[in-house]
C-alpha atoms as a PDB file:
ATOM      1  CA  MET A   1      31.794 115.750  90.410  1.00  0.00           C
ATOM      2  CA  ASP A   2      30.952 117.914  93.415  1.00  0.00           C
ATOM      3  CA  PHE A   3      27.621 119.611  94.067  1.00  0.00           C
ATOM      4  CA  ASN A   4      28.692 123.026  92.670  1.00  0.00           C
ATOM      5  CA  GLU A   5      29.816 121.509  89.354  1.00  0.00           C
ATOM      6  CA  LEU A   6      26.534 119.616  89.069  1.00  0.00           C
ATOM      7  CA  LEU A   7      24.576 122.784  89.818  1.00  0.00           C
ATOM      8  CA  GLU A   8      26.518 124.685  87.140  1.00  0.00           C
ATOM      9  CA  GLN A   9      25.789 122.018  84.517  1.00  0.00           C
ATOM     10  CA  VAL A  10      22.087 122.038  85.358  1.00  0.00           C
ATOM     11  CA  TRP A  11      22.047 125.849  85.134  1.00  0.00           C
ATOM     12  CA  GLN A  12      23.794 125.875  81.739  1.00  0.00           C
ATOM     13  CA  GLU A  13      21.357 123.278  80.381  1.00  0.00           C
ATOM     14  CA  LEU A  14      18.423 125.334  81.640  1.00  0.00           C
ATOM     15  CA  LEU A  15      19.761 128.482  79.954  1.00  0.00           C
ATOM     16  CA  LYS A  16      20.257 126.557  76.726  1.00  0.00           C
ATOM     17  CA  ARG A  17      16.654 125.346  76.721  1.00  0.00           C
ATOM     18  CA  LEU A  18      15.311 128.798  77.565  1.00  0.00           C
ATOM     19  CA  ASN A  19      17.234 130.288  74.628  1.00  0.00           C
ATOM     20  CA  THR A  20      15.823 127.609  72.341  1.00  0.00           C
ATOM     21  CA  ILE A  21      12.261 128.462  73.399  1.00  0.00           C
ATOM     22  CA  GLU A  22      12.853 132.187  72.950  1.00  0.00           C
ATOM     23  CA  ASN A  23      14.206 131.650  69.441  1.00  0.00           C
ATOM     24  CA  LYS A  24      11.228 129.573  68.290  1.00  0.00           C
ATOM     25  CA  GLU A  25       8.895 131.142  65.776  1.00  0.00           C
ATOM     26  CA  LYS A  26       5.431 131.688  67.225  1.00  0.00           C
ATOM     27  CA  ALA A  27       2.584 130.038  65.326  1.00  0.00           C
ATOM     28  CA  VAL A  28      -1.053 130.853  66.051  1.00  0.00           C
ATOM     29  CA  VAL A  29      -3.175 127.693  66.077  1.00  0.00           C
ATOM     30  CA  ILE A  30      -6.848 127.460  65.127  1.00  0.00           C
ATOM     31  CA  GLY A  31      -8.056 124.025  66.181  1.00  0.00           C
ATOM     32  CA  PRO A  32      -6.522 121.438  68.534  1.00  0.00           C
ATOM     33  CA  LEU A  33      -2.903 122.163  69.450  1.00  0.00           C
ATOM     34  CA  PRO A  34      -0.454 119.938  67.519  1.00  0.00           C
ATOM     35  CA  ASN A  35       1.998 117.678  69.295  1.00  0.00           C
ATOM     36  CA  GLU A  36       5.158 119.771  69.672  1.00  0.00           C
ATOM     37  CA  ARG A  37       7.233 116.618  69.837  1.00  0.00           C
ATOM     38  CA  ASP A  38       6.402 116.093  66.164  1.00  0.00           C
ATOM     39  CA  ASP A  39       7.640 119.558  65.196  1.00  0.00           C
ATOM     40  CA  ASP A  40       9.667 121.596  67.691  1.00  0.00           C
ATOM     41  CA  SER A  41      10.394 124.440  65.266  1.00  0.00           C
ATOM     42  CA  PHE A  42       7.375 126.461  66.474  1.00  0.00           C
ATOM     43  CA  GLU A  43       5.997 127.706  69.715  1.00  0.00           C
ATOM     44  CA  TYR A  44       2.256 127.093  69.349  1.00  0.00           C
ATOM     45  CA  ILE A  45      -0.225 129.654  70.666  1.00  0.00           C
ATOM     46  CA  THR A  46      -3.981 129.082  70.701  1.00  0.00           C
ATOM     47  CA  TYR A  47      -5.942 131.743  68.789  1.00  0.00           C
ATOM     48  CA  THR A  48      -7.889 134.288  70.832  1.00  0.00           C
ATOM     49  CA  THR A  49     -10.197 137.011  69.552  1.00  0.00           C
ATOM     50  CA  ASP A  50      -7.930 139.811  70.785  1.00  0.00           C
ATOM     51  CA  MET A  51      -5.048 138.800  68.501  1.00  0.00           C
ATOM     52  CA  ASP A  52      -3.803 141.161  65.794  1.00  0.00           C
ATOM     53  CA  ALA A  53      -2.848 139.438  62.522  1.00  0.00           C
ATOM     54  CA  SER A  54      -0.026 141.944  61.954  1.00  0.00           C
ATOM     55  CA  SER A  55       1.747 140.708  65.109  1.00  0.00           C
ATOM     56  CA  TYR A  56       2.233 137.102  63.930  1.00  0.00           C
ATOM     57  CA  ASP A  57       3.958 135.502  60.956  1.00  0.00           C
ATOM     58  CA  THR A  58       2.491 131.987  60.943  1.00  0.00           C
ATOM     59  CA  LEU A  59      -1.007 130.542  61.253  1.00  0.00           C
ATOM     60  CA  TYR A  60      -1.607 126.818  61.635  1.00  0.00           C
ATOM     61  CA  ILE A  61      -5.130 125.426  61.061  1.00  0.00           C
ATOM     62  CA  THR A  62      -5.341 121.929  62.506  1.00  0.00           C
ATOM     63  CA  LYS A  63      -9.076 121.395  61.921  1.00  0.00           C
ATOM     64  CA  LEU A  64     -10.955 122.676  58.868  1.00  0.00           C
ATOM     65  CA  SER A  65     -14.653 121.972  58.362  1.00  0.00           C
ATOM     66  CA  ASN A  66     -16.242 121.757  54.920  1.00  0.00           C
ATOM     67  CA  ALA A  67     -18.222 124.940  55.561  1.00  0.00           C
ATOM     68  CA  ARG A  68     -15.128 126.903  56.583  1.00  0.00           C
ATOM     69  CA  LEU A  69     -13.126 125.537  53.661  1.00  0.00           C
ATOM     70  CA  SER A  70     -15.857 126.707  51.282  1.00  0.00           C
ATOM     71  CA  ARG A  71     -16.098 130.202  52.760  1.00  0.00           C
ATOM     72  CA  LEU A  72     -12.357 130.803  52.857  1.00  0.00           C
ATOM     73  CA  ALA A  73     -11.945 129.618  49.256  1.00  0.00           C
ATOM     74  CA  LEU A  74     -14.510 132.265  48.273  1.00  0.00           C
ATOM     75  CA  GLY A  75     -12.766 134.940  50.363  1.00  0.00           C
ATOM     76  CA  MET A  76     -15.662 135.096  52.824  1.00  0.00           C
ATOM     77  CA  ALA A  77     -15.729 135.089  56.633  1.00  0.00           C
ATOM     78  CA  ASP A  78     -18.550 134.126  58.952  1.00  0.00           C
ATOM     79  CA  ASN A  79     -16.843 134.806  62.295  1.00  0.00           C
ATOM     80  CA  GLU A  80     -13.797 136.402  63.901  1.00  0.00           C
ATOM     81  CA  GLU A  81     -11.607 133.337  63.424  1.00  0.00           C
ATOM     82  CA  GLU A  82     -12.211 133.367  59.679  1.00  0.00           C
ATOM     83  CA  GLU A  83     -11.653 137.127  59.511  1.00  0.00           C
ATOM     84  CA  PHE A  84      -8.306 136.532  61.235  1.00  0.00           C
ATOM     85  CA  ILE A  85      -7.402 133.829  58.679  1.00  0.00           C
ATOM     86  CA  LEU A  86      -8.225 136.077  55.725  1.00  0.00           C
ATOM     87  CA  SER A  87      -6.359 138.950  57.363  1.00  0.00           C
ATOM     88  CA  MET A  88      -3.248 136.768  57.661  1.00  0.00           C
ATOM     89  CA  LEU A  89      -3.538 135.784  53.994  1.00  0.00           C
ATOM     90  CA  LEU A  90      -4.012 139.392  52.882  1.00  0.00           C
ATOM     91  CA  ARG A  91      -0.842 140.309  54.758  1.00  0.00           C
ATOM     92  CA  GLY A  92       1.090 137.550  53.020  1.00  0.00           C
ATOM     93  CA  LYS A  93       1.650 135.612  56.246  1.00  0.00           C
ATOM     94  CA  LYS A  94       2.424 131.888  56.298  1.00  0.00           C
ATOM     95  CA  LEU A  95      -0.638 129.640  56.447  1.00  0.00           C
ATOM     96  CA  MET A  96      -0.282 125.947  57.258  1.00  0.00           C
ATOM     97  CA  ILE A  97      -3.201 123.500  57.200  1.00  0.00           C
ATOM     98  CA  ASP A  98      -3.042 119.979  58.617  1.00  0.00           C
ATOM     99  CA  SER A  99      -4.391 117.817  55.799  1.00  0.00           C
ATOM    100  CA  LYS A 100      -5.517 115.219  58.342  1.00  0.00           C
ATOM    101  CA  GLY A 101      -7.848 117.826  59.839  1.00  0.00           C
ATOM    102  CA  ILE A 102      -9.645 118.696  56.585  1.00  0.00           C
ATOM    103  CA  GLU A 103     -13.136 117.306  57.036  1.00  0.00           C
ATOM    104  CA  TYR A 104     -14.040 116.206  53.488  1.00  0.00           C
ATOM    105  CA  ARG A 105     -10.909 114.033  53.244  1.00  0.00           C
ATOM    106  CA  GLN A 106     -12.434 111.650  55.782  1.00  0.00           C
ATOM    107  CA  PHE A 107     -15.145 110.749  53.254  1.00  0.00           C
ATOM    108  CA  GLN A 108     -13.074 110.277  50.105  1.00  0.00           C
ATOM    109  CA  HIS A 109     -13.981 106.587  49.835  1.00  0.00           C
ATOM    110  CA  THR A 110     -17.736 107.117  50.204  1.00  0.00           C
ATOM    111  CA  ALA A 111     -18.700 110.575  48.896  1.00  0.00           C
ATOM    112  CA  GLN A 112     -20.001 111.185  45.391  1.00  0.00           C
ATOM    113  CA  HIS A 113     -17.317 112.141  42.889  1.00  0.00           C
ATOM    114  CA  ALA A 114     -19.003 115.437  41.973  1.00  0.00           C
ATOM    115  CA  LEU A 115     -19.158 116.588  45.609  1.00  0.00           C
ATOM    116  CA  LEU A 116     -15.530 115.648  46.240  1.00  0.00           C
ATOM    117  CA  ALA A 117     -14.525 117.604  43.163  1.00  0.00           C
ATOM    118  CA  ILE A 118     -16.054 120.768  44.639  1.00  0.00           C
ATOM    119  CA  TYR A 119     -14.139 120.464  47.907  1.00  0.00           C
ATOM    120  CA  LYS A 120     -10.921 119.597  46.099  1.00  0.00           C
ATOM    121  CA  GLU A 121     -11.348 122.740  44.014  1.00  0.00           C
ATOM    122  CA  TYR A 122     -11.801 124.807  47.185  1.00  0.00           C
ATOM    123  CA  GLU A 123      -8.712 123.195  48.706  1.00  0.00           C
ATOM    124  CA  GLN A 124      -6.736 124.049  45.573  1.00  0.00           C
ATOM    125  CA  LYS A 125      -7.932 127.658  45.893  1.00  0.00           C
ATOM    126  CA  LEU A 126      -6.428 127.883  49.372  1.00  0.00           C
ATOM    127  CA  LYS A 127      -3.151 126.521  48.017  1.00  0.00           C
ATOM    128  CA  GLU A 128      -3.216 129.228  45.369  1.00  0.00           C
ATOM    129  CA  PHE A 129      -3.740 131.763  48.167  1.00  0.00           C
ATOM    130  CA  GLY A 130      -0.462 130.508  49.664  1.00  0.00           C
ATOM    131  CA  ALA A 131      -1.636 127.811  52.067  1.00  0.00           C
ATOM    132  CA  GLN A 132       0.740 124.922  52.693  1.00  0.00           C
ATOM    133  CA  LEU A 133      -0.696 121.490  53.492  1.00  0.00           C
ATOM    134  CA  ILE A 134       1.078 119.666  56.307  1.00  0.00           C
ATOM    135  CA  ASN A 135       1.097 115.845  56.507  1.00  0.00           C
ATOM    136  CA  GLU A 136      -0.237 115.596  52.933  1.00  0.00           C
ATOM    137  CA  GLN A 137       2.365 113.072  51.776  1.00  0.00           C
ATOM    138  CA  GLN A 138       1.857 110.973  54.905  1.00  0.00           C
ATOM    139  CA  GLU A 139      -1.914 111.021  54.365  1.00  0.00           C
ATOM    140  CA  LYS A 140      -1.529 109.999  50.719  1.00  0.00           C
ATOM    141  CA  ARG A 141       0.568 107.021  51.785  1.00  0.00           C
ATOM    142  CA  ILE A 142      -2.020 105.990  54.387  1.00  0.00           C
ATOM    143  CA  ASN A 143      -4.852 106.332  51.849  1.00  0.00           C
ATOM    144  CA  GLN A 144      -2.939 104.186  49.388  1.00  0.00           C
ATOM    145  CA  GLU A 145      -2.412 101.532  52.046  1.00  0.00           C
ATOM    146  CA  GLU A 146      -6.099 101.663  52.972  1.00  0.00           C
ATOM    147  CA  ALA A 147      -7.030 101.346  49.324  1.00  0.00           C
ATOM    148  CA  LEU A 148      -5.038  98.148  48.816  1.00  0.00           C
ATOM    149  CA  PRO A 149      -7.759  95.792  50.128  1.00  0.00           C
ATOM    150  CA  VAL A 150     -10.265  97.279  47.676  1.00  0.00           C
ATOM    151  CA  GLN A 151     -10.715  94.632  45.006  1.00  0.00           C
ATOM    152  CA  SER A 152     -10.842  95.413  41.303  1.00  0.00           C
ATOM    153  CA  GLN A 153     -13.950  93.289  41.213  1.00  0.00           C
ATOM    154  CA  ILE A 154     -17.573  94.035  42.026  1.00  0.00           C
ATOM    155  CA  LYS A 155     -20.029  91.219  42.615  1.00  0.00           C
ATOM    156  CA  LYS A 156     -23.422  92.904  42.419  1.00  0.00           C
ATOM    157  CA  LYS A 157     -26.520  92.375  40.323  1.00  0.00           C
ATOM    158  CA  VAL A 158     -26.769  96.103  39.606  1.00  0.00           C
ATOM    159  CA  ILE A 159     -23.628  98.246  39.165  1.00  0.00           C
ATOM    160  CA  THR A 160     -24.336 101.903  39.933  1.00  0.00           C
ATOM    161  CA  GLU A 161     -22.479 105.124  39.168  1.00  0.00           C
ATOM    162  CA  ASN A 162     -21.409 105.309  42.816  1.00  0.00           C
ATOM    163  CA  ASP A 163     -19.778 101.859  42.533  1.00  0.00           C
ATOM    164  CA  ILE A 164     -17.761 102.976  39.538  1.00  0.00           C
ATOM    165  CA  GLN A 165     -16.826 106.309  41.126  1.00  0.00           C
ATOM    166  CA  ARG A 166     -15.553 104.568  44.248  1.00  0.00           C
ATOM    167  CA  ALA A 167     -13.446 102.195  42.171  1.00  0.00           C
ATOM    168  CA  HIS A 168     -12.096 105.084  40.089  1.00  0.00           C
ATOM    169  CA  PHE A 169     -11.182 107.048  43.212  1.00  0.00           C
ATOM    170  CA  ASN A 170      -9.179 104.053  44.430  1.00  0.00           C
ATOM    171  CA  LYS A 171      -7.119 104.182  41.213  1.00  0.00           C
ATOM    172  CA  ILE A 172      -8.732 101.067  39.727  1.00  0.00           C
ATOM    173  CA  GLU A 173      -8.480 101.216  35.927  1.00  0.00           C
ATOM    174  CA  GLU A 174      -9.804  97.738  35.159  1.00  0.00           C
ATOM    175  CA  LEU A 175     -12.876  96.303  36.837  1.00  0.00           C
ATOM    176  CA  MET A 176     -14.296  92.788  36.652  1.00  0.00           C
ATOM    177  CA  ILE A 177     -18.037  92.291  37.138  1.00  0.00           C
ATOM    178  CA  PRO A 178     -20.359  89.249  36.933  1.00  0.00           C
ATOM    179  CA  SER A 179     -21.536  88.342  33.455  1.00  0.00           C
ATOM    180  CA  THR A 180     -25.170  88.881  34.427  1.00  0.00           C
ATOM    181  CA  SER A 181     -24.737  92.245  36.164  1.00  0.00           C
ATOM    182  CA  ILE A 182     -26.713  95.246  34.951  1.00  0.00           C
ATOM    183  CA  VAL A 183     -24.727  98.474  34.582  1.00  0.00           C
ATOM    184  CA  THR A 184     -26.910 101.553  34.985  1.00  0.00           C
ATOM    185  CA  PRO A 185     -26.818 104.258  32.285  1.00  0.00           C
ATOM    186  CA  LEU A 186     -25.166 106.776  34.635  1.00  0.00           C
ATOM    187  CA  ALA A 187     -22.529 104.199  35.510  1.00  0.00           C
ATOM    188  CA  GLN A 188     -21.916 103.593  31.800  1.00  0.00           C
ATOM    189  CA  ASP A 189     -21.487 107.337  31.257  1.00  0.00           C
ATOM    190  CA  PHE A 190     -18.912 107.552  34.046  1.00  0.00           C
ATOM    191  CA  ILE A 191     -17.073 104.483  32.719  1.00  0.00           C
ATOM    192  CA  ARG A 192     -16.686 106.225  29.359  1.00  0.00           C
ATOM    193  CA  GLU A 193     -15.685 109.494  31.043  1.00  0.00           C
ATOM    194  CA  CYS A 194     -12.889 107.962  33.127  1.00  0.00           C
ATOM    195  CA  LYS A 195     -11.946 105.418  30.429  1.00  0.00           C
ATOM    196  CA  MET A 196     -12.250 102.470  32.809  1.00  0.00           C
ATOM    197  CA  VAL A 197     -11.999  98.966  31.332  1.00  0.00           C
ATOM    198  CA  ILE A 198     -14.886  96.684  32.318  1.00  0.00           C
ATOM    199  CA  THR A 199     -14.530  92.919  31.968  1.00  0.00           C
ATOM    200  CA  ARG A 200     -17.348  90.449  32.570  1.00  0.00           C
ATOM    201  CA  GLU A 201     -16.573  87.149  34.251  1.00  0.00           C
ATOM    202  CA  LYS A 202     -16.906  83.974  32.228  1.00  0.00           C
ATOM    203  CA  GLY A 203     -18.491  80.649  33.025  1.00  0.00           C
ATOM    204  CA  GLU A 204     -21.299  81.839  35.276  1.00  0.00           C
END
């Protein structure tokens, strides 16, 4: 292969890549830019305050705080970014949210059940508005793997509601506790509510 042939091949490859970039759908990003190697179907553009929601078809939120989640679920905006998000939704544009960037999900193994329920309800509201959660299946698999070491046994003198809630969140339906453990009234109420089976150890 001579130099001219090599130059022609390089030029054709360059044109091919330029056409690919031009044909990519532009997605406005609020939060850290995603790794394009993971998804090369979009050209990611960082949000700026001078953007017009009518000029873009896709919005990708990679980081969503609890406060912002709550406001958006109630159709409220506290700043220009949130006004842009609501404007995109009102126009029927595509909204993607990285589930790994939703703040409350980082505390699912420690937060009180009632508080988690509120945030889950807000998240569901955004889905009803048309939001699509990205990486949700991957996150569920990771959470399940993380939950595996959690034993269906609690060795404590006093079993609290929070202990039972944590076990219930980790999909534990049967729980073994020491024969001498005291189960608080609130814990007993939650056990009845979630229909968890409690077994006391023998021979202690």
